[in-house]
Structures are given as structure tokens and as C-alpha cells.
Amino acid sequence: MMLKLQKRLAANVMRCSPKRVAFDPARLEDIKEAITKTDIRLLVGEGAIREVPEKGVSRVRANKRLVQRRKGLRKGAGSRKGKSTARHARKDAWMSKVRAQRNFIKEIKPILKPGAFKELYKKSKGGFFRSVKHIKLYTAEHKLFAMPMKVSRPSEGKTTRQEQAGEKPNQQPKQSSQRKSSPKPRRAGKKETKAREPTTKN
């Protein structure tokens, strides 16, 4: 049964593609007699002609990946595309670096020499310093502090046994209160025999 005309009119009425127009098999005779848009509208209202829903792409898998990315997953080196500046712009990297440097320079301003603050601030603006650690090395090498900073240096790492035990290095160990018992006299193996003096008879 040729129903191309009815399908085209129905697609025009429902504003969809002719491929998405479906007819009720039990009402094909009524659909065949419909030759105007008014007839088609009546059949659409009765349900003899309906619009097939458009096929789309499921968002189930995409939503699952989105939840994982929000947790911090799927962000490794294998999932990244483009240059390093594509994910973290150069402007943002510059702002974060310079802000950290300027905050550090403002913190050490009270202990700097006159004019040192302005010098460091301008060098930071010009991109001279790589990081905050670079500023620390620069100020130490050029002696820009008004007073030497107190740096607590740890010990060499060699500790004596007395220090580990909590004793002073020159402290002698405490003697026990009990006196040592005097050693017992040795017993002679053989009794000493006194030499008798010879007696003279009168």
C-alpha cells in the first residue's frame, strides 16, 4: 500500500522526518483516504498516526565517567591531551608564582636593608626569581638583611653515649651507696710451721 503522500503530510504536521512517522496497522484504510492536512491532524489526534521518538546517545556511561573525574580519577598522564598550558594557562601559573613571591617579600620587609624591598619587588615583577626559595638564596648571598637572621643549625648528628643516656659529658657515674665488702683473706694451702729453737740441757 503506497502511503508516501500521507507520510509526507504527517511529517509536515508533526514537524519531524518522514522516517519517524508510524501508522497504526489497523487503521491503514482510514489513513489511505486522508488526503489533506486536516484529515491527517484528526488521525494524529485519534492516535492512528504517531511520531517515533528520536534515538539518542545514552548518558549513563558519560555520567559515570563524570562522577569518577569529580573524585579525582581519570586525570593521569594517559588521559591528558594538548600542551601543558592547555590545562593550566601560563597566565594562571604566573599569577600564582608572583603572588607567592610578593607575599614573602612583604613578610621579610621589616628586617631588610633600606632600598632592598624595592629592589626585590621589581626583580619579582620582571620575572628574575624562579621561586620563593630563589629569593631566600639571593637575599642571603647579597646580604640584604639589616640584621643577621638567626638560623638554628642542627647538631652534627653525632651523639655520645652519655648524651643519649641524659648525662653530662664530664659527669662521673654515681657510686653505689653500699660499700664494697673487703676481700676475704686467702687460706694458705699448707699450715706454716714455726721453727723450734733447740733446747740446751744443763
C-alpha atoms as a PDB file:
ATOM      1  CA  MET A   1       0.000   0.000   0.000  1.00  0.00           C
ATOM      2  CA  MET A   2       1.537   3.279  -1.120  1.00  0.00           C
ATOM      3  CA  LEU A   3       1.220   5.879   1.640  1.00  0.00           C
ATOM      4  CA  LYS A   4       4.042   8.267   0.721  1.00  0.00           C
ATOM      5  CA  LEU A   5       1.691  11.236   0.461  1.00  0.00           C
ATOM      6  CA  GLN A   6       0.157  10.576   3.875  1.00  0.00           C
ATOM      7  CA  LYS A   7       3.605  10.075   5.412  1.00  0.00           C
ATOM      8  CA  ARG A   8       4.868  13.348   3.950  1.00  0.00           C
ATOM      9  CA  LEU A   9       1.813  15.263   5.162  1.00  0.00           C
ATOM     10  CA  ALA A  10       2.081  13.701   8.632  1.00  0.00           C
ATOM     11  CA  ALA A  11       5.765  14.647   8.847  1.00  0.00           C
ATOM     12  CA  ASN A  12       4.875  18.217   7.884  1.00  0.00           C
ATOM     13  CA  VAL A  13       2.135  18.358  10.516  1.00  0.00           C
ATOM     14  CA  MET A  14       4.215  16.842  13.328  1.00  0.00           C
ATOM     15  CA  ARG A  15       7.375  18.680  12.214  1.00  0.00           C
ATOM     16  CA  CYS A  16       9.631  15.634  12.061  1.00  0.00           C
ATOM     17  CA  SER A  17      11.307  13.415   9.494  1.00  0.00           C
ATOM     18  CA  PRO A  18       9.104  11.119   7.353  1.00  0.00           C
ATOM     19  CA  LYS A  19      11.217   8.211   8.643  1.00  0.00           C
ATOM     20  CA  ARG A  20       9.854   8.843  12.143  1.00  0.00           C
ATOM     21  CA  VAL A  21       6.184   8.640  11.132  1.00  0.00           C
ATOM     22  CA  ALA A  22       4.464   5.399  12.194  1.00  0.00           C
ATOM     23  CA  PHE A  23       0.959   4.226  11.145  1.00  0.00           C
ATOM     24  CA  ASP A  24      -1.415   2.004  13.090  1.00  0.00           C
ATOM     25  CA  PRO A  25      -1.777  -1.249  11.042  1.00  0.00           C
ATOM     26  CA  ALA A  26      -5.477  -1.484  11.976  1.00  0.00           C
ATOM     27  CA  ARG A  27      -6.245   1.996  10.577  1.00  0.00           C
ATOM     28  CA  LEU A  28      -4.487   1.816   7.215  1.00  0.00           C
ATOM     29  CA  GLU A  29      -7.773   2.167   5.242  1.00  0.00           C
ATOM     30  CA  ASP A  30      -8.668   5.377   7.068  1.00  0.00           C
ATOM     31  CA  ILE A  31      -5.138   6.708   6.584  1.00  0.00           C
ATOM     32  CA  LYS A  32      -5.302   5.935   2.847  1.00  0.00           C
ATOM     33  CA  GLU A  33      -8.443   8.082   2.469  1.00  0.00           C
ATOM     34  CA  ALA A  34      -6.792  11.072   4.241  1.00  0.00           C
ATOM     35  CA  ILE A  35      -5.509  13.408   1.540  1.00  0.00           C
ATOM     36  CA  THR A  36      -5.446  16.752   3.376  1.00  0.00           C
ATOM     37  CA  LYS A  37      -3.607  18.092   6.399  1.00  0.00           C
ATOM     38  CA  THR A  38      -6.893  18.432   8.269  1.00  0.00           C
ATOM     39  CA  ASP A  39      -7.569  14.703   7.839  1.00  0.00           C
ATOM     40  CA  ILE A  40      -4.046  13.920   8.990  1.00  0.00           C
ATOM     41  CA  ARG A  41      -4.458  16.117  12.102  1.00  0.00           C
ATOM     42  CA  LEU A  42      -7.624  14.219  13.031  1.00  0.00           C
ATOM     43  CA  LEU A  43      -5.848  10.879  12.668  1.00  0.00           C
ATOM     44  CA  VAL A  44      -2.901  12.158  14.746  1.00  0.00           C
ATOM     45  CA  GLY A  45      -5.327  13.222  17.468  1.00  0.00           C
ATOM     46  CA  GLU A  46      -7.003   9.778  17.389  1.00  0.00           C
ATOM     47  CA  GLY A  47      -3.614   8.028  17.656  1.00  0.00           C
ATOM     48  CA  ALA A  48      -3.718   6.347  14.254  1.00  0.00           C
ATOM     49  CA  ILE A  49      -0.592   8.271  13.259  1.00  0.00           C
ATOM     50  CA  ARG A  50       2.176   8.763  15.804  1.00  0.00           C
ATOM     51  CA  GLU A  51       5.726  10.084  15.955  1.00  0.00           C
ATOM     52  CA  VAL A  52       8.522   7.634  16.716  1.00  0.00           C
ATOM     53  CA  PRO A  53      10.832   9.064  19.421  1.00  0.00           C
ATOM     54  CA  GLU A  54      14.243  10.144  18.187  1.00  0.00           C
ATOM     55  CA  LYS A  55      17.105   7.829  19.009  1.00  0.00           C
ATOM     56  CA  GLY A  56      19.799   9.447  21.122  1.00  0.00           C
ATOM     57  CA  VAL A  57      23.079   8.532  22.772  1.00  0.00           C
ATOM     58  CA  SER A  58      22.810   7.197  26.291  1.00  0.00           C
ATOM     59  CA  ARG A  59      24.351   9.383  29.008  1.00  0.00           C
ATOM     60  CA  VAL A  60      24.762   6.545  31.519  1.00  0.00           C
ATOM     61  CA  ARG A  61      28.421   5.860  30.750  1.00  0.00           C
ATOM     62  CA  ALA A  62      29.213   9.560  30.399  1.00  0.00           C
ATOM     63  CA  ASN A  63      27.654  10.337  33.775  1.00  0.00           C
ATOM     64  CA  LYS A  64      29.648   7.512  35.353  1.00  0.00           C
ATOM     65  CA  ARG A  65      32.911   8.950  33.980  1.00  0.00           C
ATOM     66  CA  LEU A  66      31.919  12.416  35.161  1.00  0.00           C
ATOM     67  CA  VAL A  67      31.417  11.164  38.725  1.00  0.00           C
ATOM     68  CA  GLN A  68      34.839   9.491  38.651  1.00  0.00           C
ATOM     69  CA  ARG A  69      36.531  12.661  37.392  1.00  0.00           C
ATOM     70  CA  ARG A  70      34.937  14.669  40.192  1.00  0.00           C
ATOM     71  CA  LYS A  71      36.563  12.238  42.627  1.00  0.00           C
ATOM     72  CA  GLY A  72      39.960  12.913  41.025  1.00  0.00           C
ATOM     73  CA  LEU A  73      40.156   9.766  38.893  1.00  0.00           C
ATOM     74  CA  ARG A  74      40.822   9.538  35.146  1.00  0.00           C
ATOM     75  CA  LYS A  75      43.190  12.504  35.252  1.00  0.00           C
ATOM     76  CA  GLY A  76      46.527  10.760  34.748  1.00  0.00           C
ATOM     77  CA  ALA A  77      49.086  11.342  32.026  1.00  0.00           C
ATOM     78  CA  GLY A  78      47.283   8.966  29.660  1.00  0.00           C
ATOM     79  CA  SER A  79      44.051  10.979  29.852  1.00  0.00           C
ATOM     80  CA  ARG A  80      45.593  14.377  29.134  1.00  0.00           C
ATOM     81  CA  LYS A  81      45.536  15.946  25.694  1.00  0.00           C
ATOM     82  CA  GLY A  82      47.280  19.027  24.369  1.00  0.00           C
ATOM     83  CA  LYS A  83      50.176  21.029  25.775  1.00  0.00           C
ATOM     84  CA  SER A  84      50.835  21.582  29.442  1.00  0.00           C
ATOM     85  CA  THR A  85      49.485  25.114  29.103  1.00  0.00           C
ATOM     86  CA  ALA A  86      46.166  23.791  27.821  1.00  0.00           C
ATOM     87  CA  ARG A  87      45.164  22.527  31.257  1.00  0.00           C
ATOM     88  CA  HIS A  88      46.943  25.213  33.292  1.00  0.00           C
ATOM     89  CA  ALA A  89      47.252  28.537  31.465  1.00  0.00           C
ATOM     90  CA  ARG A  90      50.523  30.439  31.554  1.00  0.00           C
ATOM     91  CA  LYS A  91      48.757  33.473  32.962  1.00  0.00           C
ATOM     92  CA  ASP A  92      47.382  31.479  35.909  1.00  0.00           C
ATOM     93  CA  ALA A  93      50.798  29.917  36.586  1.00  0.00           C
ATOM     94  CA  TRP A  94      52.419  33.368  36.522  1.00  0.00           C
ATOM     95  CA  MET A  95      49.818  34.832  38.883  1.00  0.00           C
ATOM     96  CA  SER A  96      50.213  32.061  41.447  1.00  0.00           C
ATOM     97  CA  LYS A  97      54.040  32.293  41.329  1.00  0.00           C
ATOM     98  CA  VAL A  98      54.255  36.092  41.595  1.00  0.00           C
ATOM     99  CA  ARG A  99      51.657  36.320  44.352  1.00  0.00           C
ATOM    100  CA  ALA A 100      53.624  33.859  46.484  1.00  0.00           C
ATOM    101  CA  GLN A 101      56.852  35.821  45.898  1.00  0.00           C
ATOM    102  CA  ARG A 102      55.268  39.185  46.719  1.00  0.00           C
ATOM    103  CA  ASN A 103      53.716  37.846  49.915  1.00  0.00           C
ATOM    104  CA  PHE A 104      57.113  36.531  51.035  1.00  0.00           C
ATOM    105  CA  ILE A 105      58.850  39.844  50.226  1.00  0.00           C
ATOM    106  CA  LYS A 106      56.256  41.729  52.276  1.00  0.00           C
ATOM    107  CA  GLU A 107      56.808  39.366  55.216  1.00  0.00           C
ATOM    108  CA  ILE A 108      60.568  39.999  55.345  1.00  0.00           C
ATOM    109  CA  LYS A 109      60.267  43.748  54.678  1.00  0.00           C
ATOM    110  CA  PRO A 110      60.832  44.807  58.357  1.00  0.00           C
ATOM    111  CA  ILE A 111      64.232  43.091  58.527  1.00  0.00           C
ATOM    112  CA  LEU A 112      65.531  44.207  55.115  1.00  0.00           C
ATOM    113  CA  LYS A 113      68.020  46.988  54.483  1.00  0.00           C
ATOM    114  CA  PRO A 114      66.738  50.326  53.150  1.00  0.00           C
ATOM    115  CA  GLY A 115      66.009  50.009  49.441  1.00  0.00           C
ATOM    116  CA  ALA A 116      66.201  46.207  49.436  1.00  0.00           C
ATOM    117  CA  PHE A 117      62.424  45.791  49.451  1.00  0.00           C
ATOM    118  CA  LYS A 118      62.005  47.881  46.301  1.00  0.00           C
ATOM    119  CA  GLU A 119      64.822  46.003  44.582  1.00  0.00           C
ATOM    120  CA  LEU A 120      63.339  42.594  45.346  1.00  0.00           C
ATOM    121  CA  TYR A 121      59.830  43.705  44.388  1.00  0.00           C
ATOM    122  CA  LYS A 122      60.955  44.969  40.989  1.00  0.00           C
ATOM    123  CA  LYS A 123      63.005  41.854  40.300  1.00  0.00           C
ATOM    124  CA  SER A 124      59.993  39.722  41.155  1.00  0.00           C
ATOM    125  CA  LYS A 125      57.847  41.751  38.765  1.00  0.00           C
ATOM    126  CA  GLY A 126      60.415  41.329  35.999  1.00  0.00           C
ATOM    127  CA  GLY A 127      60.500  37.550  36.408  1.00  0.00           C
ATOM    128  CA  PHE A 128      64.030  37.397  37.800  1.00  0.00           C
ATOM    129  CA  PHE A 129      63.192  34.953  40.612  1.00  0.00           C
ATOM    130  CA  ARG A 130      62.179  31.404  39.853  1.00  0.00           C
ATOM    131  CA  SER A 131      60.552  30.747  43.215  1.00  0.00           C
ATOM    132  CA  VAL A 132      60.445  31.820  46.858  1.00  0.00           C
ATOM    133  CA  LYS A 133      63.493  29.669  47.554  1.00  0.00           C
ATOM    134  CA  HIS A 134      65.397  31.638  44.910  1.00  0.00           C
ATOM    135  CA  ILE A 135      64.568  34.860  46.790  1.00  0.00           C
ATOM    136  CA  LYS A 136      65.935  33.373  50.019  1.00  0.00           C
ATOM    137  CA  LEU A 137      69.197  32.412  48.330  1.00  0.00           C
ATOM    138  CA  TYR A 138      69.517  35.831  46.671  1.00  0.00           C
ATOM    139  CA  THR A 139      68.968  37.762  49.914  1.00  0.00           C
ATOM    140  CA  ALA A 140      71.454  35.560  51.763  1.00  0.00           C
ATOM    141  CA  GLU A 141      74.182  35.885  49.117  1.00  0.00           C
ATOM    142  CA  HIS A 142      73.831  39.666  48.707  1.00  0.00           C
ATOM    143  CA  LYS A 143      73.377  40.288  52.459  1.00  0.00           C
ATOM    144  CA  LEU A 144      70.222  42.338  52.137  1.00  0.00           C
ATOM    145  CA  PHE A 145      69.141  41.812  55.749  1.00  0.00           C
ATOM    146  CA  ALA A 146      69.642  44.670  58.213  1.00  0.00           C
ATOM    147  CA  MET A 147      70.441  42.158  60.936  1.00  0.00           C
ATOM    148  CA  PRO A 148      71.670  38.609  60.521  1.00  0.00           C
ATOM    149  CA  MET A 149      68.901  36.079  60.706  1.00  0.00           C
ATOM    150  CA  LYS A 150      69.185  33.523  63.447  1.00  0.00           C
ATOM    151  CA  VAL A 151      69.413  30.149  61.857  1.00  0.00           C
ATOM    152  CA  SER A 152      69.105  27.228  64.201  1.00  0.00           C
ATOM    153  CA  ARG A 153      71.519  24.675  62.878  1.00  0.00           C
ATOM    154  CA  PRO A 154      71.008  21.126  63.986  1.00  0.00           C
ATOM    155  CA  SER A 155      73.857  19.270  65.654  1.00  0.00           C
ATOM    156  CA  GLU A 156      76.234  17.259  63.573  1.00  0.00           C
ATOM    157  CA  GLY A 157      74.254  14.154  64.325  1.00  0.00           C
ATOM    158  CA  LYS A 158      76.965  12.542  66.423  1.00  0.00           C
ATOM    159  CA  THR A 159      75.842  11.986  69.981  1.00  0.00           C
ATOM    160  CA  THR A 160      77.854  10.295  72.647  1.00  0.00           C
ATOM    161  CA  ARG A 161      76.501   7.519  74.773  1.00  0.00           C
ATOM    162  CA  GLN A 162      76.409   9.811  77.797  1.00  0.00           C
ATOM    163  CA  GLU A 163      74.225  12.328  75.904  1.00  0.00           C
ATOM    164  CA  GLN A 164      71.896   9.572  74.800  1.00  0.00           C
ATOM    165  CA  ALA A 165      71.607   8.442  78.424  1.00  0.00           C
ATOM    166  CA  GLY A 166      70.878  12.017  79.546  1.00  0.00           C
ATOM    167  CA  GLU A 167      74.130  12.531  81.450  1.00  0.00           C
ATOM    168  CA  LYS A 168      76.554  15.407  81.159  1.00  0.00           C
ATOM    169  CA  PRO A 169      79.734  14.629  79.251  1.00  0.00           C
ATOM    170  CA  ASN A 170      82.053  15.330  82.232  1.00  0.00           C
ATOM    171  CA  GLN A 171      79.770  13.817  84.827  1.00  0.00           C
ATOM    172  CA  GLN A 172      81.060  10.713  86.512  1.00  0.00           C
ATOM    173  CA  PRO A 173      78.684   7.849  87.165  1.00  0.00           C
ATOM    174  CA  LYS A 174      77.241   7.792  90.651  1.00  0.00           C
ATOM    175  CA  GLN A 175      78.837   5.344  93.045  1.00  0.00           C
ATOM    176  CA  SER A 176      76.623   2.912  94.824  1.00  0.00           C
ATOM    177  CA  SER A 177      75.907   3.746  98.490  1.00  0.00           C
ATOM    178  CA  GLN A 178      76.783   0.283  99.647  1.00  0.00           C
ATOM    179  CA  ARG A 179      80.446  -0.138 100.456  1.00  0.00           C
ATOM    180  CA  LYS A 180      82.207  -2.886  98.754  1.00  0.00           C
ATOM    181  CA  SER A 181      82.885  -5.726 101.142  1.00  0.00           C
ATOM    182  CA  SER A 182      86.554  -6.218 101.949  1.00  0.00           C
ATOM    183  CA  PRO A 183      88.013  -9.210 100.243  1.00  0.00           C
ATOM    184  CA  LYS A 184      88.269 -12.325 102.402  1.00  0.00           C
ATOM    185  CA  PRO A 185      91.820 -13.446 103.418  1.00  0.00           C
ATOM    186  CA  ARG A 186      93.138 -16.193 101.330  1.00  0.00           C
ATOM    187  CA  ARG A 187      93.561 -19.528 103.034  1.00  0.00           C
ATOM    188  CA  ALA A 188      97.017 -20.941 102.863  1.00  0.00           C
ATOM    189  CA  GLY A 189      97.205 -24.341 101.361  1.00  0.00           C
ATOM    190  CA  LYS A 190      99.704 -25.584 103.979  1.00  0.00           C
ATOM    191  CA  LYS A 191      99.968 -24.516 107.594  1.00  0.00           C
ATOM    192  CA  GLU A 192     103.086 -22.589 108.313  1.00  0.00           C
ATOM    193  CA  THR A 193     105.258 -24.456 110.873  1.00  0.00           C
ATOM    194  CA  LYS A 194     107.329 -22.368 113.251  1.00  0.00           C
ATOM    195  CA  ALA A 195     110.948 -23.443 113.616  1.00  0.00           C
ATOM    196  CA  ARG A 196     111.560 -24.605 117.176  1.00  0.00           C
ATOM    197  CA  GLU A 197     114.614 -23.347 118.949  1.00  0.00           C
ATOM    198  CA  PRO A 198     116.929 -26.118 120.181  1.00  0.00           C
ATOM    199  CA  THR A 199     116.834 -26.561 123.974  1.00  0.00           C
ATOM    200  CA  THR A 200     120.115 -26.951 125.855  1.00  0.00           C
ATOM    201  CA  LYS A 201     120.349 -29.461 128.698  1.00  0.00           C
ATOM    202  CA  ASN A 202     122.151 -28.437 131.818  1.00  0.00           C
END
